[in-house]
Amino acid sequence: MDIGAKFRRLRRRNQLTLEELAVRSELTKGFLSQVERDLTSPSITTLEDILEALGTTLGEFFADDKEEQIVFTAGDYFINTQEAYEMAFIVPNAQKNMMEPILLTLHPGCESAQYGPFEAEEFGYVLQGRVELVYGRQTLTVKKGQTFYFNADRLHYLKNPGNTDAKVLWITNPPSF
């Protein structure tokens, strides 16, 4: 870990100059500059004083800073291909998140697996074609550019009554796929 660079980023994130931090931490500007350039290492006590002036702790400062992946490409997707449909899990390991987006491609005349009832909310946006949303005893037609939103407290699934593939962005909260 590059302590000096991390220290500098934290100071800048707090919009402090070296001089302002020196006053807050009761250290010299020169000493803080040397710490930032990795020319000297502060004692644990001194580092605690600096971090307190920056509004953080030793534990937070030394926590593993794994960069969270924010943008995903087709190479990141996990695709589950069935005879009737293809489910692309477009955010890897989304089961650990609050919601799970799926890109569902339903082949002509086919239907998705049946889900529910369970405790969740579901949202869908039809990207291509049209689908029939079977929700309990209801069957609703949803066309390209239209959305659906419901509680998953009933048996539900999608059917493609058309002659071409239908594509749906389907999001469940919490994840259930």
N, C-alpha and C. Protein backbone atom coordinates (compact mmCIF):
# COMPACT_ATOMS: atom_id res chain seq x y z
N MET A 1 0.85 -1.17 0.00
CA MET A 1 0.00 0.00 0.00
C MET A 1 0.89 1.24 0.00
N ASP A 2 0.59 2.17 -0.87
CA ASP A 2 1.31 3.43 -0.95
C ASP A 2 0.65 4.41 0.02
N ILE A 3 1.17 4.45 1.26
CA ILE A 3 0.55 5.25 2.31
C ILE A 3 0.54 6.73 1.96
N GLY A 4 1.64 7.23 1.43
CA GLY A 4 1.73 8.65 1.09
C GLY A 4 0.67 9.07 0.07
N ALA A 5 0.52 8.29 -0.99
CA ALA A 5 -0.46 8.63 -2.03
C ALA A 5 -1.88 8.53 -1.48
N LYS A 6 -2.13 7.52 -0.67
CA LYS A 6 -3.47 7.37 -0.10
C LYS A 6 -3.76 8.52 0.86
N PHE A 7 -2.77 8.90 1.61
CA PHE A 7 -2.89 10.03 2.53
C PHE A 7 -3.21 11.31 1.74
N ARG A 8 -2.50 11.54 0.64
CA ARG A 8 -2.72 12.73 -0.20
C ARG A 8 -4.13 12.74 -0.79
N ARG A 9 -4.59 11.57 -1.29
CA ARG A 9 -5.95 11.49 -1.86
C ARG A 9 -7.00 11.83 -0.80
N LEU A 10 -6.80 11.32 0.39
CA LEU A 10 -7.75 11.57 1.48
C LEU A 10 -7.76 13.05 1.85
N ARG A 11 -6.58 13.66 1.91
CA ARG A 11 -6.50 15.09 2.23
C ARG A 11 -7.20 15.92 1.15
N ARG A 12 -6.96 15.59 -0.10
CA ARG A 12 -7.59 16.32 -1.20
C ARG A 12 -9.09 16.10 -1.25
N ARG A 13 -9.52 14.87 -0.95
CA ARG A 13 -10.96 14.57 -0.91
C ARG A 13 -11.64 15.44 0.15
N ASN A 14 -10.92 15.73 1.23
CA ASN A 14 -11.44 16.59 2.29
C ASN A 14 -11.22 18.07 1.99
N GLN A 15 -10.66 18.36 0.82
CA GLN A 15 -10.42 19.73 0.34
C GLN A 15 -9.60 20.54 1.34
N LEU A 16 -8.50 19.93 1.80
CA LEU A 16 -7.61 20.60 2.74
C LEU A 16 -6.24 20.81 2.10
N THR A 17 -5.63 21.93 2.39
CA THR A 17 -4.24 22.15 2.00
C THR A 17 -3.37 21.50 3.07
N LEU A 18 -2.08 21.35 2.75
CA LEU A 18 -1.16 20.82 3.76
C LEU A 18 -1.13 21.73 4.99
N GLU A 19 -1.18 23.02 4.75
CA GLU A 19 -1.14 23.98 5.85
C GLU A 19 -2.37 23.83 6.75
N GLU A 20 -3.55 23.67 6.16
CA GLU A 20 -4.77 23.50 6.95
C GLU A 20 -4.72 22.20 7.76
N LEU A 21 -4.22 21.14 7.14
CA LEU A 21 -4.11 19.88 7.85
C LEU A 21 -3.07 19.97 8.96
N ALA A 22 -2.01 20.70 8.72
CA ALA A 22 -0.97 20.87 9.74
C ALA A 22 -1.56 21.55 10.98
N VAL A 23 -2.37 22.56 10.79
CA VAL A 23 -2.99 23.25 11.92
C VAL A 23 -3.93 22.30 12.67
N ARG A 24 -4.74 21.56 11.93
CA ARG A 24 -5.70 20.65 12.56
C ARG A 24 -5.02 19.50 13.31
N SER A 25 -3.92 19.02 12.79
CA SER A 25 -3.26 17.86 13.40
C SER A 25 -2.11 18.25 14.33
N GLU A 26 -1.82 19.55 14.42
CA GLU A 26 -0.74 20.07 15.25
C GLU A 26 0.62 19.49 14.86
N LEU A 27 0.81 19.36 13.53
CA LEU A 27 2.08 18.90 12.97
C LEU A 27 2.57 19.97 12.00
N THR A 28 3.80 19.83 11.52
CA THR A 28 4.30 20.83 10.59
C THR A 28 3.91 20.48 9.16
N LYS A 29 3.81 21.52 8.37
CA LYS A 29 3.49 21.35 6.95
C LYS A 29 4.59 20.53 6.27
N GLY A 30 5.84 20.78 6.64
CA GLY A 30 6.97 20.07 6.05
C GLY A 30 6.92 18.58 6.35
N PHE A 31 6.58 18.24 7.60
CA PHE A 31 6.49 16.83 7.97
C PHE A 31 5.39 16.13 7.17
N LEU A 32 4.22 16.76 7.06
CA LEU A 32 3.11 16.18 6.31
C LEU A 32 3.47 16.02 4.84
N SER A 33 4.20 16.97 4.30
CA SER A 33 4.64 16.88 2.90
C SER A 33 5.56 15.67 2.72
N GLN A 34 6.44 15.45 3.67
CA GLN A 34 7.36 14.30 3.60
C GLN A 34 6.58 12.98 3.71
N VAL A 35 5.55 12.96 4.52
CA VAL A 35 4.71 11.75 4.64
C VAL A 35 4.04 11.47 3.30
N GLU A 36 3.48 12.51 2.69
CA GLU A 36 2.79 12.34 1.40
C GLU A 36 3.74 11.85 0.30
N ARG A 37 4.99 12.26 0.38
CA ARG A 37 5.97 11.85 -0.64
C ARG A 37 6.73 10.59 -0.24
N ASP A 38 6.29 9.94 0.83
CA ASP A 38 6.91 8.71 1.33
C ASP A 38 8.39 8.89 1.67
N LEU A 39 8.74 10.08 2.13
CA LEU A 39 10.12 10.34 2.55
C LEU A 39 10.31 10.04 4.03
N THR A 40 9.20 9.97 4.75
CA THR A 40 9.24 9.61 6.15
C THR A 40 7.96 8.87 6.49
N SER A 41 7.99 8.12 7.57
CA SER A 41 6.80 7.38 8.01
C SER A 41 6.41 7.87 9.39
N PRO A 42 5.15 8.20 9.56
CA PRO A 42 4.71 8.66 10.88
C PRO A 42 4.56 7.48 11.84
N SER A 43 4.67 7.75 13.11
CA SER A 43 4.39 6.72 14.11
C SER A 43 2.89 6.44 14.08
N ILE A 44 2.50 5.36 14.71
CA ILE A 44 1.07 5.02 14.76
C ILE A 44 0.28 6.13 15.44
N THR A 45 0.81 6.66 16.53
CA THR A 45 0.13 7.73 17.24
C THR A 45 -0.03 8.97 16.36
N THR A 46 1.04 9.34 15.65
CA THR A 46 0.99 10.50 14.77
C THR A 46 0.02 10.25 13.62
N LEU A 47 0.03 9.04 13.06
CA LEU A 47 -0.88 8.71 11.97
C LEU A 47 -2.33 8.79 12.46
N GLU A 48 -2.59 8.31 13.68
CA GLU A 48 -3.93 8.42 14.24
C GLU A 48 -4.37 9.88 14.35
N ASP A 49 -3.44 10.75 14.77
CA ASP A 49 -3.75 12.19 14.88
C ASP A 49 -4.09 12.78 13.51
N ILE A 50 -3.31 12.41 12.50
CA ILE A 50 -3.54 12.92 11.14
C ILE A 50 -4.90 12.42 10.63
N LEU A 51 -5.16 11.14 10.81
CA LEU A 51 -6.40 10.55 10.31
C LEU A 51 -7.62 11.11 11.04
N GLU A 52 -7.47 11.37 12.34
CA GLU A 52 -8.56 11.99 13.08
C GLU A 52 -8.87 13.38 12.51
N ALA A 53 -7.84 14.12 12.17
CA ALA A 53 -8.03 15.45 11.57
C ALA A 53 -8.69 15.34 10.19
N LEU A 54 -8.54 14.19 9.55
CA LEU A 54 -9.15 13.95 8.24
C LEU A 54 -10.52 13.26 8.35
N GLY A 55 -10.96 12.99 9.58
CA GLY A 55 -12.28 12.41 9.79
C GLY A 55 -12.37 10.92 9.52
N THR A 56 -11.28 10.20 9.74
CA THR A 56 -11.32 8.75 9.53
C THR A 56 -10.54 8.06 10.63
N THR A 57 -10.42 6.75 10.53
CA THR A 57 -9.72 5.96 11.54
C THR A 57 -8.64 5.10 10.88
N LEU A 58 -7.80 4.51 11.71
CA LEU A 58 -6.78 3.59 11.19
C LEU A 58 -7.43 2.43 10.45
N GLY A 59 -8.49 1.88 11.03
CA GLY A 59 -9.17 0.74 10.41
C GLY A 59 -9.70 1.08 9.02
N GLU A 60 -10.33 2.24 8.89
CA GLU A 60 -10.86 2.65 7.58
C GLU A 60 -9.72 2.94 6.60
N PHE A 61 -8.66 3.56 7.10
CA PHE A 61 -7.54 3.93 6.24
C PHE A 61 -6.86 2.69 5.66
N PHE A 62 -6.72 1.65 6.49
CA PHE A 62 -6.01 0.46 6.04
C PHE A 62 -6.95 -0.65 5.53
N ALA A 63 -8.24 -0.35 5.45
CA ALA A 63 -9.19 -1.33 4.91
C ALA A 63 -8.83 -1.63 3.46
N ASP A 64 -9.10 -2.86 3.07
CA ASP A 64 -8.83 -3.29 1.70
C ASP A 64 -9.68 -2.46 0.75
N ASP A 65 -9.05 -1.73 -0.13
CA ASP A 65 -9.75 -0.84 -1.07
C ASP A 65 -9.95 -1.50 -2.42
N LYS A 66 -10.63 -2.64 -2.43
CA LYS A 66 -10.91 -3.27 -3.71
C LYS A 66 -11.81 -2.35 -4.51
N GLU A 67 -11.44 -2.12 -5.72
CA GLU A 67 -12.26 -1.30 -6.60
C GLU A 67 -13.47 -2.13 -7.01
N GLU A 68 -14.64 -1.60 -6.76
CA GLU A 68 -15.86 -2.28 -7.14
C GLU A 68 -16.12 -2.07 -8.63
N GLN A 69 -16.41 -3.15 -9.32
CA GLN A 69 -16.70 -3.04 -10.74
C GLN A 69 -18.04 -2.36 -10.92
N ILE A 70 -18.08 -1.35 -11.77
CA ILE A 70 -19.29 -0.58 -11.99
C ILE A 70 -19.82 -0.78 -13.40
N VAL A 71 -18.94 -0.93 -14.36
CA VAL A 71 -19.35 -1.11 -15.76
C VAL A 71 -19.08 -2.55 -16.17
N PHE A 72 -20.05 -3.15 -16.84
CA PHE A 72 -19.95 -4.54 -17.27
C PHE A 72 -20.14 -4.64 -18.77
N THR A 73 -19.46 -5.58 -19.39
CA THR A 73 -19.58 -5.80 -20.83
C THR A 73 -20.10 -7.22 -21.06
N ALA A 74 -20.40 -7.53 -22.29
CA ALA A 74 -20.92 -8.86 -22.62
C ALA A 74 -19.97 -9.96 -22.15
N GLY A 75 -18.68 -9.69 -22.10
CA GLY A 75 -17.72 -10.68 -21.63
C GLY A 75 -17.87 -11.02 -20.15
N ASP A 76 -18.54 -10.15 -19.39
CA ASP A 76 -18.77 -10.38 -17.97
C ASP A 76 -20.04 -11.18 -17.70
N TYR A 77 -20.93 -11.27 -18.69
CA TYR A 77 -22.23 -11.89 -18.50
C TYR A 77 -22.11 -13.40 -18.33
N PHE A 78 -23.01 -13.96 -17.54
CA PHE A 78 -23.18 -15.41 -17.48
C PHE A 78 -24.47 -15.70 -18.22
N ILE A 79 -24.43 -16.55 -19.21
CA ILE A 79 -25.60 -16.83 -20.02
C ILE A 79 -26.06 -18.27 -19.80
N ASN A 80 -27.32 -18.40 -19.43
CA ASN A 80 -27.95 -19.69 -19.24
C ASN A 80 -28.88 -19.92 -20.42
N THR A 81 -28.54 -20.84 -21.28
CA THR A 81 -29.33 -21.09 -22.48
C THR A 81 -30.21 -22.31 -22.29
N GLN A 82 -31.49 -22.12 -22.50
CA GLN A 82 -32.49 -23.18 -22.47
C GLN A 82 -33.06 -23.30 -23.87
N GLU A 83 -33.84 -24.32 -24.11
CA GLU A 83 -34.45 -24.49 -25.43
C GLU A 83 -35.42 -23.34 -25.73
N ALA A 84 -36.18 -22.90 -24.73
CA ALA A 84 -37.22 -21.89 -24.93
C ALA A 84 -36.73 -20.46 -24.77
N TYR A 85 -35.63 -20.29 -24.03
CA TYR A 85 -35.19 -18.93 -23.73
C TYR A 85 -33.71 -18.91 -23.38
N GLU A 86 -33.19 -17.69 -23.30
CA GLU A 86 -31.81 -17.47 -22.89
C GLU A 86 -31.84 -16.39 -21.82
N MET A 87 -31.22 -16.67 -20.68
CA MET A 87 -31.13 -15.68 -19.60
C MET A 87 -29.68 -15.23 -19.49
N ALA A 88 -29.47 -13.94 -19.70
CA ALA A 88 -28.13 -13.38 -19.54
C ALA A 88 -28.10 -12.64 -18.20
N PHE A 89 -27.28 -13.13 -17.29
CA PHE A 89 -27.09 -12.48 -15.99
C PHE A 89 -26.07 -11.37 -16.24
N ILE A 90 -26.57 -10.15 -16.39
CA ILE A 90 -25.76 -9.06 -16.92
C ILE A 90 -24.95 -8.31 -15.87
N VAL A 91 -25.13 -8.64 -14.60
CA VAL A 91 -24.29 -8.13 -13.52
C VAL A 91 -23.80 -9.35 -12.76
N PRO A 92 -22.53 -9.72 -12.91
CA PRO A 92 -22.02 -10.93 -12.24
C PRO A 92 -22.23 -10.88 -10.73
N ASN A 93 -22.58 -12.02 -10.17
CA ASN A 93 -22.76 -12.18 -8.72
C ASN A 93 -23.77 -11.21 -8.13
N ALA A 94 -24.81 -10.88 -8.89
CA ALA A 94 -25.81 -9.92 -8.42
C ALA A 94 -26.62 -10.46 -7.25
N GLN A 95 -26.53 -11.76 -6.99
CA GLN A 95 -27.30 -12.33 -5.88
C GLN A 95 -26.93 -11.66 -4.56
N LYS A 96 -25.76 -11.09 -4.46
CA LYS A 96 -25.34 -10.43 -3.23
C LYS A 96 -25.83 -8.98 -3.16
N ASN A 97 -26.41 -8.49 -4.25
CA ASN A 97 -26.89 -7.11 -4.31
C ASN A 97 -28.36 -7.02 -3.92
N MET A 98 -28.90 -5.82 -3.94
CA MET A 98 -30.30 -5.60 -3.61
C MET A 98 -31.22 -5.95 -4.77
N MET A 99 -30.70 -5.96 -5.99
CA MET A 99 -31.53 -6.31 -7.14
C MET A 99 -30.70 -7.12 -8.12
N GLU A 100 -31.41 -7.84 -8.98
CA GLU A 100 -30.73 -8.69 -9.95
C GLU A 100 -31.32 -8.43 -11.34
N PRO A 101 -30.55 -7.81 -12.23
CA PRO A 101 -31.04 -7.60 -13.59
C PRO A 101 -30.70 -8.79 -14.49
N ILE A 102 -31.66 -9.18 -15.30
CA ILE A 102 -31.52 -10.29 -16.24
C ILE A 102 -31.93 -9.78 -17.62
N LEU A 103 -31.20 -10.16 -18.64
CA LEU A 103 -31.63 -9.91 -20.01
C LEU A 103 -32.20 -11.23 -20.52
N LEU A 104 -33.51 -11.26 -20.68
CA LEU A 104 -34.21 -12.48 -21.07
C LEU A 104 -34.56 -12.42 -22.55
N THR A 105 -34.15 -13.43 -23.29
CA THR A 105 -34.55 -13.57 -24.69
C THR A 105 -35.47 -14.78 -24.77
N LEU A 106 -36.73 -14.52 -25.14
CA LEU A 106 -37.72 -15.59 -25.29
C LEU A 106 -37.88 -15.89 -26.77
N HIS A 107 -37.72 -17.14 -27.14
CA HIS A 107 -37.87 -17.54 -28.53
C HIS A 107 -39.35 -17.58 -28.90
N PRO A 108 -39.69 -17.46 -30.19
CA PRO A 108 -41.09 -17.43 -30.63
C PRO A 108 -41.88 -18.64 -30.12
N GLY A 109 -43.08 -18.33 -29.58
CA GLY A 109 -43.96 -19.38 -29.11
C GLY A 109 -43.55 -20.03 -27.80
N CYS A 110 -42.52 -19.52 -27.15
CA CYS A 110 -41.99 -20.15 -25.92
C CYS A 110 -42.33 -19.32 -24.69
N GLU A 111 -42.04 -19.90 -23.53
CA GLU A 111 -42.27 -19.20 -22.28
C GLU A 111 -41.09 -19.40 -21.33
N SER A 112 -40.97 -18.47 -20.39
CA SER A 112 -39.91 -18.56 -19.38
C SER A 112 -40.28 -19.61 -18.35
N ALA A 113 -39.37 -19.85 -17.45
CA ALA A 113 -39.69 -20.70 -16.30
C ALA A 113 -40.75 -19.99 -15.47
N GLN A 114 -41.47 -20.73 -14.66
CA GLN A 114 -42.48 -20.14 -13.79
C GLN A 114 -41.85 -19.85 -12.44
N TYR A 115 -42.20 -18.68 -11.87
CA TYR A 115 -41.62 -18.22 -10.62
C TYR A 115 -42.72 -17.87 -9.64
N GLY A 116 -42.38 -17.92 -8.37
CA GLY A 116 -43.24 -17.44 -7.31
C GLY A 116 -44.20 -18.51 -6.83
N PRO A 117 -44.98 -18.15 -5.87
CA PRO A 117 -44.95 -16.85 -5.21
C PRO A 117 -43.81 -16.78 -4.20
N PHE A 118 -43.24 -15.60 -4.07
CA PHE A 118 -42.21 -15.32 -3.07
C PHE A 118 -42.22 -13.83 -2.79
N GLU A 119 -41.46 -13.43 -1.80
CA GLU A 119 -41.46 -12.03 -1.40
C GLU A 119 -40.41 -11.27 -2.19
N ALA A 120 -40.87 -10.48 -3.14
CA ALA A 120 -39.98 -9.67 -3.97
C ALA A 120 -40.81 -8.72 -4.81
N GLU A 121 -40.12 -7.78 -5.44
CA GLU A 121 -40.73 -6.90 -6.43
C GLU A 121 -40.02 -7.15 -7.74
N GLU A 122 -40.76 -7.10 -8.84
CA GLU A 122 -40.15 -7.35 -10.14
C GLU A 122 -40.53 -6.25 -11.11
N PHE A 123 -39.59 -5.95 -11.98
CA PHE A 123 -39.75 -4.91 -12.99
C PHE A 123 -39.25 -5.46 -14.31
N GLY A 124 -39.94 -5.12 -15.38
CA GLY A 124 -39.49 -5.54 -16.70
C GLY A 124 -39.69 -4.44 -17.72
N TYR A 125 -38.79 -4.40 -18.69
CA TYR A 125 -38.87 -3.46 -19.81
C TYR A 125 -38.68 -4.27 -21.08
N VAL A 126 -39.68 -4.21 -21.96
CA VAL A 126 -39.62 -4.98 -23.20
C VAL A 126 -38.77 -4.20 -24.21
N LEU A 127 -37.65 -4.78 -24.57
CA LEU A 127 -36.71 -4.15 -25.50
C LEU A 127 -37.03 -4.49 -26.95
N GLN A 128 -37.61 -5.67 -27.17
CA GLN A 128 -37.86 -6.14 -28.53
C GLN A 128 -39.06 -7.07 -28.51
N GLY A 129 -39.93 -6.95 -29.51
CA GLY A 129 -41.08 -7.84 -29.63
C GLY A 129 -42.17 -7.50 -28.63
N ARG A 130 -42.92 -8.52 -28.25
CA ARG A 130 -43.96 -8.37 -27.23
C ARG A 130 -44.02 -9.67 -26.45
N VAL A 131 -44.48 -9.55 -25.21
CA VAL A 131 -44.61 -10.72 -24.35
C VAL A 131 -45.98 -10.69 -23.69
N GLU A 132 -46.38 -11.83 -23.21
CA GLU A 132 -47.55 -11.92 -22.35
C GLU A 132 -47.06 -12.23 -20.95
N LEU A 133 -47.41 -11.36 -20.03
CA LEU A 133 -47.07 -11.55 -18.62
C LEU A 133 -48.22 -12.31 -17.97
N VAL A 134 -47.95 -13.52 -17.54
CA VAL A 134 -48.95 -14.29 -16.81
C VAL A 134 -48.66 -14.03 -15.33
N TYR A 135 -49.62 -13.40 -14.67
CA TYR A 135 -49.48 -12.99 -13.28
C TYR A 135 -50.71 -13.51 -12.53
N GLY A 136 -50.54 -14.62 -11.84
CA GLY A 136 -51.68 -15.26 -11.20
C GLY A 136 -52.66 -15.71 -12.26
N ARG A 137 -53.89 -15.23 -12.18
CA ARG A 137 -54.93 -15.60 -13.16
C ARG A 137 -55.00 -14.63 -14.34
N GLN A 138 -54.20 -13.56 -14.29
CA GLN A 138 -54.23 -12.54 -15.34
C GLN A 138 -53.19 -12.84 -16.42
N THR A 139 -53.51 -12.47 -17.65
CA THR A 139 -52.54 -12.48 -18.73
C THR A 139 -52.56 -11.10 -19.35
N LEU A 140 -51.42 -10.43 -19.30
CA LEU A 140 -51.31 -9.05 -19.77
C LEU A 140 -50.31 -8.98 -20.92
N THR A 141 -50.64 -8.24 -21.98
CA THR A 141 -49.74 -8.08 -23.11
C THR A 141 -48.86 -6.85 -22.86
N VAL A 142 -47.55 -7.03 -23.04
CA VAL A 142 -46.59 -5.94 -22.85
C VAL A 142 -45.76 -5.86 -24.13
N LYS A 143 -45.78 -4.69 -24.78
CA LYS A 143 -45.12 -4.51 -26.06
C LYS A 143 -43.79 -3.77 -25.90
N LYS A 144 -43.03 -3.78 -26.99
CA LYS A 144 -41.75 -3.07 -27.03
C LYS A 144 -41.94 -1.64 -26.53
N GLY A 145 -41.06 -1.24 -25.60
CA GLY A 145 -41.11 0.11 -25.04
C GLY A 145 -42.01 0.23 -23.83
N GLN A 146 -42.73 -0.82 -23.48
CA GLN A 146 -43.59 -0.81 -22.30
C GLN A 146 -42.90 -1.53 -21.15
N THR A 147 -43.39 -1.26 -19.95
CA THR A 147 -42.80 -1.86 -18.74
C THR A 147 -43.87 -2.58 -17.94
N PHE A 148 -43.42 -3.43 -17.03
CA PHE A 148 -44.31 -4.02 -16.03
C PHE A 148 -43.63 -3.97 -14.68
N TYR A 149 -44.44 -3.93 -13.64
CA TYR A 149 -43.94 -3.85 -12.27
C TYR A 149 -44.97 -4.51 -11.36
N PHE A 150 -44.53 -5.46 -10.52
CA PHE A 150 -45.48 -6.15 -9.66
C PHE A 150 -44.78 -6.77 -8.46
N ASN A 151 -45.58 -7.14 -7.46
CA ASN A 151 -45.10 -7.93 -6.32
C ASN A 151 -45.12 -9.38 -6.77
N ALA A 152 -44.12 -10.12 -6.41
CA ALA A 152 -43.98 -11.51 -6.86
C ALA A 152 -44.74 -12.48 -5.96
N ASP A 153 -45.86 -12.02 -5.42
CA ASP A 153 -46.63 -12.83 -4.48
C ASP A 153 -47.57 -13.81 -5.16
N ARG A 154 -47.47 -13.91 -6.49
CA ARG A 154 -48.28 -14.86 -7.25
C ARG A 154 -47.37 -15.59 -8.23
N LEU A 155 -47.82 -16.73 -8.68
CA LEU A 155 -47.11 -17.44 -9.74
C LEU A 155 -47.06 -16.51 -10.95
N HIS A 156 -45.89 -16.42 -11.60
CA HIS A 156 -45.77 -15.53 -12.75
C HIS A 156 -44.71 -16.05 -13.72
N TYR A 157 -44.87 -15.68 -14.98
CA TYR A 157 -43.91 -16.03 -16.02
C TYR A 157 -44.25 -15.23 -17.27
N LEU A 158 -43.36 -15.29 -18.25
CA LEU A 158 -43.55 -14.58 -19.51
C LEU A 158 -43.70 -15.57 -20.65
N LYS A 159 -44.53 -15.22 -21.63
CA LYS A 159 -44.71 -16.01 -22.85
C LYS A 159 -44.45 -15.11 -24.05
N ASN A 160 -43.92 -15.68 -25.10
CA ASN A 160 -43.72 -14.95 -26.35
C ASN A 160 -44.70 -15.50 -27.39
N PRO A 161 -45.79 -14.76 -27.64
CA PRO A 161 -46.77 -15.24 -28.62
C PRO A 161 -46.40 -14.88 -30.06
N GLY A 162 -45.30 -14.15 -30.23
CA GLY A 162 -44.94 -13.65 -31.56
C GLY A 162 -44.14 -14.65 -32.39
N ASN A 163 -43.71 -14.17 -33.58
CA ASN A 163 -42.95 -14.99 -34.53
C ASN A 163 -41.45 -14.69 -34.50
N THR A 164 -41.04 -13.73 -33.67
CA THR A 164 -39.62 -13.38 -33.53
C THR A 164 -39.24 -13.38 -32.06
N ASP A 165 -37.95 -13.39 -31.80
CA ASP A 165 -37.49 -13.33 -30.41
C ASP A 165 -38.02 -12.08 -29.72
N ALA A 166 -38.32 -12.20 -28.44
CA ALA A 166 -38.67 -11.06 -27.59
C ALA A 166 -37.55 -10.90 -26.58
N LYS A 167 -37.16 -9.67 -26.32
CA LYS A 167 -36.11 -9.41 -25.32
C LYS A 167 -36.67 -8.52 -24.23
N VAL A 168 -36.38 -8.91 -22.99
CA VAL A 168 -36.90 -8.19 -21.83
C VAL A 168 -35.77 -7.99 -20.82
N LEU A 169 -35.63 -6.76 -20.36
CA LEU A 169 -34.76 -6.48 -19.22
C LEU A 169 -35.63 -6.71 -17.99
N TRP A 170 -35.27 -7.71 -17.19
CA TRP A 170 -36.10 -8.14 -16.06
C TRP A 170 -35.28 -7.96 -14.79
N ILE A 171 -35.82 -7.20 -13.84
CA ILE A 171 -35.10 -6.89 -12.60
C ILE A 171 -35.91 -7.35 -11.41
N THR A 172 -35.27 -8.08 -10.51
CA THR A 172 -35.92 -8.59 -9.30
C THR A 172 -35.22 -8.03 -8.08
N ASN A 173 -36.03 -7.64 -7.08
CA ASN A 173 -35.50 -7.14 -5.82
C ASN A 173 -36.27 -7.81 -4.69
N PRO A 174 -35.63 -8.61 -3.85
CA PRO A 174 -34.23 -9.04 -3.89
C PRO A 174 -34.02 -10.10 -4.97
N PRO A 175 -32.77 -10.39 -5.27
CA PRO A 175 -32.46 -11.39 -6.30
C PRO A 175 -33.15 -12.72 -6.03
N SER A 176 -33.61 -13.35 -7.11
CA SER A 176 -34.27 -14.63 -6.93
C SER A 176 -33.95 -15.61 -8.05
N PHE A 177 -33.28 -15.17 -9.10
CA PHE A 177 -32.98 -16.05 -10.23
C PHE A 177 -31.82 -16.97 -9.91
